[in-house]
Amino acid sequence: MAPETIEGGGRVVSVVRHVFDSWPEFTFMVTADEFGIWTDARFVRTADDLPDLPAHPGVLVPWQVTLDEVSAHFGPLVPGDSWHPFHECGIPGPGGHYSATFCWGLLQTVPQADDAIS
């Protein structure tokens, strides 16, 4: 599949997208800069239908929501450790802080952590 070229913010990027037949609700998206250097790769929701997200981060279900969706729903996340493809973010919530781990942009875990990123 050929890359799609997107212009914006004074720069040009190339994007390649792939939808897996067995997982149509998510698209794997790879972004490269104008030099062809890979700058991001992650799953994004294929449709604009956002899932119903709970009011409490401790009950989020792994592999059902993306980093962007969690950030939009719970407000700005506190950046934590990042070692691609893993990203950790702190989520303040009722009863304490939660330390969410994402892989390729999909939620993996949300344990409550008293010493979570703050």
N, C-alpha and C. Protein backbone atom coordinates (compact mmCIF):
# COMPACT_ATOMS: atom_id res chain seq x y z
N MET A 1 0.84 -1.17 0.00
CA MET A 1 0.00 0.00 0.00
C MET A 1 0.89 1.24 0.00
N ALA A 2 0.46 2.23 -0.73
CA ALA A 2 1.24 3.45 -0.87
C ALA A 2 0.99 4.37 0.32
N PRO A 3 2.03 5.10 0.74
CA PRO A 3 1.82 6.03 1.85
C PRO A 3 0.94 7.21 1.44
N GLU A 4 0.25 7.72 2.40
CA GLU A 4 -0.58 8.91 2.23
C GLU A 4 0.25 10.10 2.70
N THR A 5 0.25 11.19 1.95
CA THR A 5 1.01 12.38 2.34
C THR A 5 0.06 13.39 2.97
N ILE A 6 0.46 13.89 4.14
CA ILE A 6 -0.35 14.86 4.87
C ILE A 6 0.50 16.09 5.13
N GLU A 7 -0.05 17.26 4.83
CA GLU A 7 0.64 18.51 5.11
C GLU A 7 -0.09 19.23 6.22
N GLY A 8 0.67 19.83 7.12
CA GLY A 8 0.07 20.58 8.21
C GLY A 8 1.11 21.06 9.19
N GLY A 9 0.87 22.19 9.77
CA GLY A 9 1.78 22.74 10.76
C GLY A 9 3.16 23.04 10.18
N GLY A 10 3.21 23.34 8.88
CA GLY A 10 4.49 23.68 8.27
C GLY A 10 5.37 22.48 7.96
N ARG A 11 4.81 21.27 8.01
CA ARG A 11 5.61 20.09 7.69
C ARG A 11 4.79 19.08 6.90
N VAL A 12 5.50 18.20 6.26
CA VAL A 12 4.87 17.15 5.46
C VAL A 12 5.24 15.81 6.07
N VAL A 13 4.24 14.96 6.27
CA VAL A 13 4.50 13.62 6.80
C VAL A 13 3.86 12.59 5.88
N SER A 14 4.39 11.39 5.94
CA SER A 14 3.82 10.26 5.22
C SER A 14 3.19 9.32 6.23
N VAL A 15 2.03 8.79 5.89
CA VAL A 15 1.31 7.89 6.79
C VAL A 15 0.94 6.63 6.02
N VAL A 16 1.22 5.48 6.63
CA VAL A 16 0.78 4.20 6.10
C VAL A 16 -0.18 3.61 7.13
N ARG A 17 -1.33 3.16 6.66
CA ARG A 17 -2.35 2.60 7.55
C ARG A 17 -2.65 1.16 7.16
N HIS A 18 -2.94 0.35 8.17
CA HIS A 18 -3.33 -1.04 7.89
C HIS A 18 -4.42 -1.46 8.88
N VAL A 19 -5.49 -2.02 8.34
CA VAL A 19 -6.57 -2.55 9.17
C VAL A 19 -6.48 -4.07 9.11
N PHE A 20 -6.41 -4.70 10.27
CA PHE A 20 -6.35 -6.15 10.34
C PHE A 20 -7.77 -6.71 10.22
N ASP A 21 -7.95 -7.72 9.38
CA ASP A 21 -9.27 -8.30 9.17
C ASP A 21 -9.91 -8.78 10.47
N SER A 22 -9.10 -9.32 11.35
CA SER A 22 -9.63 -9.86 12.61
C SER A 22 -9.85 -8.79 13.68
N TRP A 23 -9.45 -7.55 13.40
CA TRP A 23 -9.57 -6.49 14.39
C TRP A 23 -9.95 -5.18 13.70
N PRO A 24 -11.12 -5.13 13.06
CA PRO A 24 -11.47 -3.99 12.21
C PRO A 24 -11.71 -2.67 12.94
N GLU A 25 -11.90 -2.71 14.25
CA GLU A 25 -12.16 -1.45 14.96
C GLU A 25 -10.91 -0.60 15.15
N PHE A 26 -9.74 -1.17 14.90
CA PHE A 26 -8.50 -0.41 15.03
C PHE A 26 -7.70 -0.43 13.72
N THR A 27 -7.00 0.67 13.47
CA THR A 27 -6.10 0.79 12.33
C THR A 27 -4.70 0.98 12.88
N PHE A 28 -3.73 0.23 12.35
CA PHE A 28 -2.34 0.45 12.75
C PHE A 28 -1.78 1.51 11.82
N MET A 29 -1.25 2.59 12.39
CA MET A 29 -0.81 3.74 11.62
C MET A 29 0.67 4.01 11.89
N VAL A 30 1.45 4.09 10.82
CA VAL A 30 2.88 4.42 10.91
C VAL A 30 3.08 5.77 10.24
N THR A 31 3.74 6.69 10.95
CA THR A 31 3.99 8.03 10.44
C THR A 31 5.48 8.24 10.26
N ALA A 32 5.86 8.86 9.14
CA ALA A 32 7.26 9.17 8.86
C ALA A 32 7.38 10.65 8.51
N ASP A 33 8.53 11.24 8.82
CA ASP A 33 8.74 12.65 8.50
C ASP A 33 9.10 12.82 7.02
N GLU A 34 9.41 14.06 6.64
CA GLU A 34 9.69 14.36 5.23
C GLU A 34 10.94 13.65 4.70
N PHE A 35 11.76 13.13 5.60
CA PHE A 35 12.96 12.40 5.20
C PHE A 35 12.73 10.88 5.17
N GLY A 36 11.50 10.46 5.48
CA GLY A 36 11.19 9.04 5.49
C GLY A 36 11.54 8.34 6.78
N ILE A 37 11.89 9.10 7.81
CA ILE A 37 12.25 8.52 9.11
C ILE A 37 10.97 8.31 9.92
N TRP A 38 10.80 7.08 10.40
CA TRP A 38 9.63 6.70 11.17
C TRP A 38 9.58 7.52 12.46
N THR A 39 8.47 8.22 12.70
CA THR A 39 8.34 9.06 13.89
C THR A 39 7.29 8.56 14.88
N ASP A 40 6.36 7.72 14.41
CA ASP A 40 5.33 7.21 15.31
C ASP A 40 4.71 5.97 14.68
N ALA A 41 4.26 5.07 15.53
CA ALA A 41 3.52 3.88 15.08
C ALA A 41 2.60 3.46 16.21
N ARG A 42 1.31 3.36 15.91
CA ARG A 42 0.36 2.98 16.95
C ARG A 42 -0.99 2.65 16.36
N PHE A 43 -1.81 2.04 17.19
CA PHE A 43 -3.19 1.76 16.81
C PHE A 43 -4.05 2.99 17.08
N VAL A 44 -4.95 3.27 16.16
CA VAL A 44 -5.96 4.32 16.33
C VAL A 44 -7.31 3.68 16.00
N ARG A 45 -8.36 4.27 16.49
CA ARG A 45 -9.69 3.73 16.23
C ARG A 45 -10.04 3.98 14.77
N THR A 46 -10.54 2.95 14.09
CA THR A 46 -10.87 3.05 12.68
C THR A 46 -12.05 3.99 12.46
N ALA A 47 -13.10 3.82 13.21
CA ALA A 47 -14.29 4.67 13.07
C ALA A 47 -14.24 5.78 14.12
N ASP A 48 -15.07 6.76 13.93
CA ASP A 48 -15.13 7.86 14.90
C ASP A 48 -16.00 7.52 16.09
N ASP A 49 -16.47 6.29 16.19
CA ASP A 49 -17.30 5.86 17.31
C ASP A 49 -16.44 5.60 18.53
N LEU A 50 -16.47 6.50 19.47
CA LEU A 50 -15.71 6.30 20.70
C LEU A 50 -16.44 5.31 21.59
N PRO A 51 -15.70 4.45 22.25
CA PRO A 51 -16.36 3.52 23.17
C PRO A 51 -16.87 4.27 24.40
N ASP A 52 -17.82 3.67 25.08
CA ASP A 52 -18.28 4.25 26.34
C ASP A 52 -17.18 4.02 27.37
N LEU A 53 -16.61 5.10 27.85
CA LEU A 53 -15.53 4.99 28.83
C LEU A 53 -16.09 5.20 30.23
N PRO A 54 -15.58 4.46 31.20
CA PRO A 54 -16.09 4.59 32.57
C PRO A 54 -15.62 5.89 33.22
N ALA A 55 -16.29 6.27 34.29
CA ALA A 55 -15.91 7.47 35.03
C ALA A 55 -14.66 7.23 35.87
N HIS A 56 -14.33 5.98 36.11
CA HIS A 56 -13.22 5.61 36.98
C HIS A 56 -12.14 4.89 36.17
N PRO A 57 -10.89 5.38 36.19
CA PRO A 57 -9.84 4.75 35.38
C PRO A 57 -9.50 3.32 35.79
N GLY A 58 -9.80 2.95 37.02
CA GLY A 58 -9.45 1.62 37.51
C GLY A 58 -10.23 0.49 36.86
N VAL A 59 -11.30 0.82 36.13
CA VAL A 59 -12.10 -0.23 35.49
C VAL A 59 -11.98 -0.22 33.96
N LEU A 60 -10.99 0.50 33.44
CA LEU A 60 -10.73 0.45 32.00
C LEU A 60 -10.32 -0.96 31.60
N VAL A 61 -10.74 -1.39 30.44
CA VAL A 61 -10.47 -2.75 29.96
C VAL A 61 -9.30 -2.72 28.97
N PRO A 62 -8.24 -3.50 29.23
CA PRO A 62 -7.10 -3.55 28.31
C PRO A 62 -7.52 -3.95 26.89
N TRP A 63 -6.79 -3.43 25.92
CA TRP A 63 -6.96 -3.71 24.50
C TRP A 63 -8.30 -3.22 23.95
N GLN A 64 -8.98 -2.33 24.68
CA GLN A 64 -10.26 -1.82 24.20
C GLN A 64 -10.23 -0.31 23.93
N VAL A 65 -9.23 0.39 24.47
CA VAL A 65 -9.17 1.85 24.31
C VAL A 65 -7.74 2.27 23.95
N THR A 66 -7.66 3.41 23.28
CA THR A 66 -6.36 3.92 22.86
C THR A 66 -5.86 5.01 23.82
N LEU A 67 -4.60 5.32 23.70
CA LEU A 67 -3.99 6.39 24.49
C LEU A 67 -4.72 7.71 24.26
N ASP A 68 -5.02 8.02 23.01
CA ASP A 68 -5.71 9.28 22.70
C ASP A 68 -7.10 9.33 23.34
N GLU A 69 -7.81 8.20 23.34
CA GLU A 69 -9.15 8.16 23.93
C GLU A 69 -9.10 8.34 25.44
N VAL A 70 -8.15 7.70 26.10
CA VAL A 70 -8.01 7.83 27.56
C VAL A 70 -7.63 9.27 27.91
N SER A 71 -6.73 9.86 27.14
CA SER A 71 -6.31 11.24 27.40
C SER A 71 -7.48 12.21 27.21
N ALA A 72 -8.26 12.01 26.16
CA ALA A 72 -9.40 12.90 25.91
C ALA A 72 -10.47 12.75 26.99
N HIS A 73 -10.66 11.54 27.50
CA HIS A 73 -11.73 11.28 28.48
C HIS A 73 -11.35 11.71 29.90
N PHE A 74 -10.12 11.42 30.31
CA PHE A 74 -9.71 11.69 31.70
C PHE A 74 -8.90 12.98 31.85
N GLY A 75 -8.76 13.74 30.78
CA GLY A 75 -7.99 14.97 30.85
C GLY A 75 -6.53 14.70 30.57
N PRO A 76 -5.72 15.71 30.68
CA PRO A 76 -4.30 15.52 30.37
C PRO A 76 -3.69 14.43 31.25
N LEU A 77 -2.96 13.53 30.62
CA LEU A 77 -2.26 12.48 31.36
C LEU A 77 -0.87 12.97 31.73
N VAL A 78 -0.34 12.43 32.81
CA VAL A 78 1.01 12.80 33.25
C VAL A 78 2.00 11.85 32.59
N PRO A 79 2.90 12.37 31.74
CA PRO A 79 3.84 11.48 31.06
C PRO A 79 4.74 10.75 32.05
N GLY A 80 5.03 9.51 31.74
CA GLY A 80 5.91 8.69 32.56
C GLY A 80 7.00 8.08 31.70
N ASP A 81 7.44 6.90 32.09
CA ASP A 81 8.48 6.21 31.33
C ASP A 81 7.97 5.87 29.93
N SER A 82 8.88 5.94 28.97
CA SER A 82 8.52 5.61 27.60
C SER A 82 9.69 4.89 26.95
N TRP A 83 9.42 3.71 26.46
CA TRP A 83 10.41 2.93 25.73
C TRP A 83 9.63 2.24 24.63
N HIS A 84 9.70 2.83 23.45
CA HIS A 84 8.84 2.40 22.36
C HIS A 84 8.90 0.90 22.15
N PRO A 85 7.77 0.24 22.07
CA PRO A 85 6.42 0.75 21.85
C PRO A 85 5.61 0.96 23.12
N PHE A 86 6.26 0.94 24.30
CA PHE A 86 5.54 1.09 25.57
C PHE A 86 5.58 2.54 26.05
N HIS A 87 4.45 2.99 26.60
CA HIS A 87 4.35 4.33 27.19
C HIS A 87 3.58 4.20 28.49
N GLU A 88 4.08 4.84 29.52
CA GLU A 88 3.39 4.85 30.80
C GLU A 88 2.90 6.26 31.08
N CYS A 89 1.68 6.37 31.59
CA CYS A 89 1.09 7.67 31.90
C CYS A 89 0.36 7.60 33.22
N GLY A 90 0.42 8.67 33.99
CA GLY A 90 -0.33 8.75 35.23
C GLY A 90 -1.72 9.31 34.97
N ILE A 91 -2.70 8.72 35.64
CA ILE A 91 -4.09 9.19 35.54
C ILE A 91 -4.58 9.48 36.95
N PRO A 92 -4.83 10.75 37.30
CA PRO A 92 -5.43 11.01 38.60
C PRO A 92 -6.88 10.55 38.57
N GLY A 93 -7.30 9.87 39.62
CA GLY A 93 -8.67 9.38 39.65
C GLY A 93 -9.19 9.32 41.06
N PRO A 94 -10.46 9.00 41.20
CA PRO A 94 -11.03 8.89 42.54
C PRO A 94 -10.33 7.79 43.33
N GLY A 95 -9.93 8.10 44.52
CA GLY A 95 -9.28 7.11 45.36
C GLY A 95 -7.79 6.95 45.12
N GLY A 96 -7.19 7.79 44.30
CA GLY A 96 -5.75 7.69 44.09
C GLY A 96 -5.35 7.89 42.65
N HIS A 97 -4.07 7.65 42.41
CA HIS A 97 -3.53 7.77 41.07
C HIS A 97 -3.42 6.39 40.44
N TYR A 98 -3.48 6.36 39.12
CA TYR A 98 -3.37 5.12 38.37
C TYR A 98 -2.22 5.27 37.38
N SER A 99 -1.50 4.21 37.17
CA SER A 99 -0.36 4.23 36.28
C SER A 99 -0.69 3.35 35.07
N ALA A 100 -1.14 3.96 33.99
CA ALA A 100 -1.57 3.22 32.80
C ALA A 100 -0.38 2.91 31.91
N THR A 101 -0.35 1.69 31.40
CA THR A 101 0.68 1.29 30.45
C THR A 101 0.02 1.03 29.10
N PHE A 102 0.59 1.60 28.05
CA PHE A 102 0.10 1.43 26.69
C PHE A 102 1.19 0.79 25.85
N CYS A 103 0.80 -0.04 24.89
CA CYS A 103 1.73 -0.62 23.93
C CYS A 103 1.15 -0.38 22.54
N TRP A 104 1.95 0.22 21.66
CA TRP A 104 1.48 0.60 20.32
C TRP A 104 0.20 1.43 20.41
N GLY A 105 0.05 2.21 21.51
CA GLY A 105 -1.10 3.09 21.66
C GLY A 105 -2.34 2.44 22.24
N LEU A 106 -2.28 1.14 22.57
CA LEU A 106 -3.43 0.45 23.16
C LEU A 106 -3.18 0.20 24.64
N LEU A 107 -4.22 0.39 25.44
CA LEU A 107 -4.12 0.18 26.88
C LEU A 107 -3.76 -1.26 27.20
N GLN A 108 -2.79 -1.44 28.10
CA GLN A 108 -2.39 -2.77 28.57
C GLN A 108 -2.81 -3.01 30.01
N THR A 109 -2.48 -2.08 30.90
CA THR A 109 -2.79 -2.22 32.33
C THR A 109 -3.11 -0.86 32.93
N VAL A 110 -3.88 -0.89 34.04
CA VAL A 110 -4.17 0.33 34.80
C VAL A 110 -4.19 -0.01 36.28
N PRO A 111 -3.05 -0.38 36.87
CA PRO A 111 -3.05 -0.65 38.31
C PRO A 111 -3.07 0.66 39.09
N GLN A 112 -3.73 0.61 40.24
CA GLN A 112 -3.67 1.77 41.13
C GLN A 112 -2.28 1.79 41.72
N ALA A 113 -1.71 2.97 41.80
CA ALA A 113 -0.36 3.09 42.33
C ALA A 113 -0.28 4.31 43.23
N ASP A 114 -0.04 4.08 44.52
CA ASP A 114 0.08 5.20 45.44
C ASP A 114 1.26 6.08 45.07
N ASP A 115 2.28 5.45 44.49
CA ASP A 115 3.46 6.21 44.09
C ASP A 115 3.48 6.41 42.57
N ALA A 116 2.28 6.43 41.95
CA ALA A 116 2.19 6.62 40.51
C ALA A 116 2.79 7.96 40.12
N ILE A 117 2.99 8.09 38.86
CA ILE A 117 3.56 9.32 38.31
C ILE A 117 2.71 10.50 38.74
N SER A 118 3.33 11.53 39.23
CA SER A 118 2.55 12.71 39.63
C SER A 118 3.30 13.97 39.30
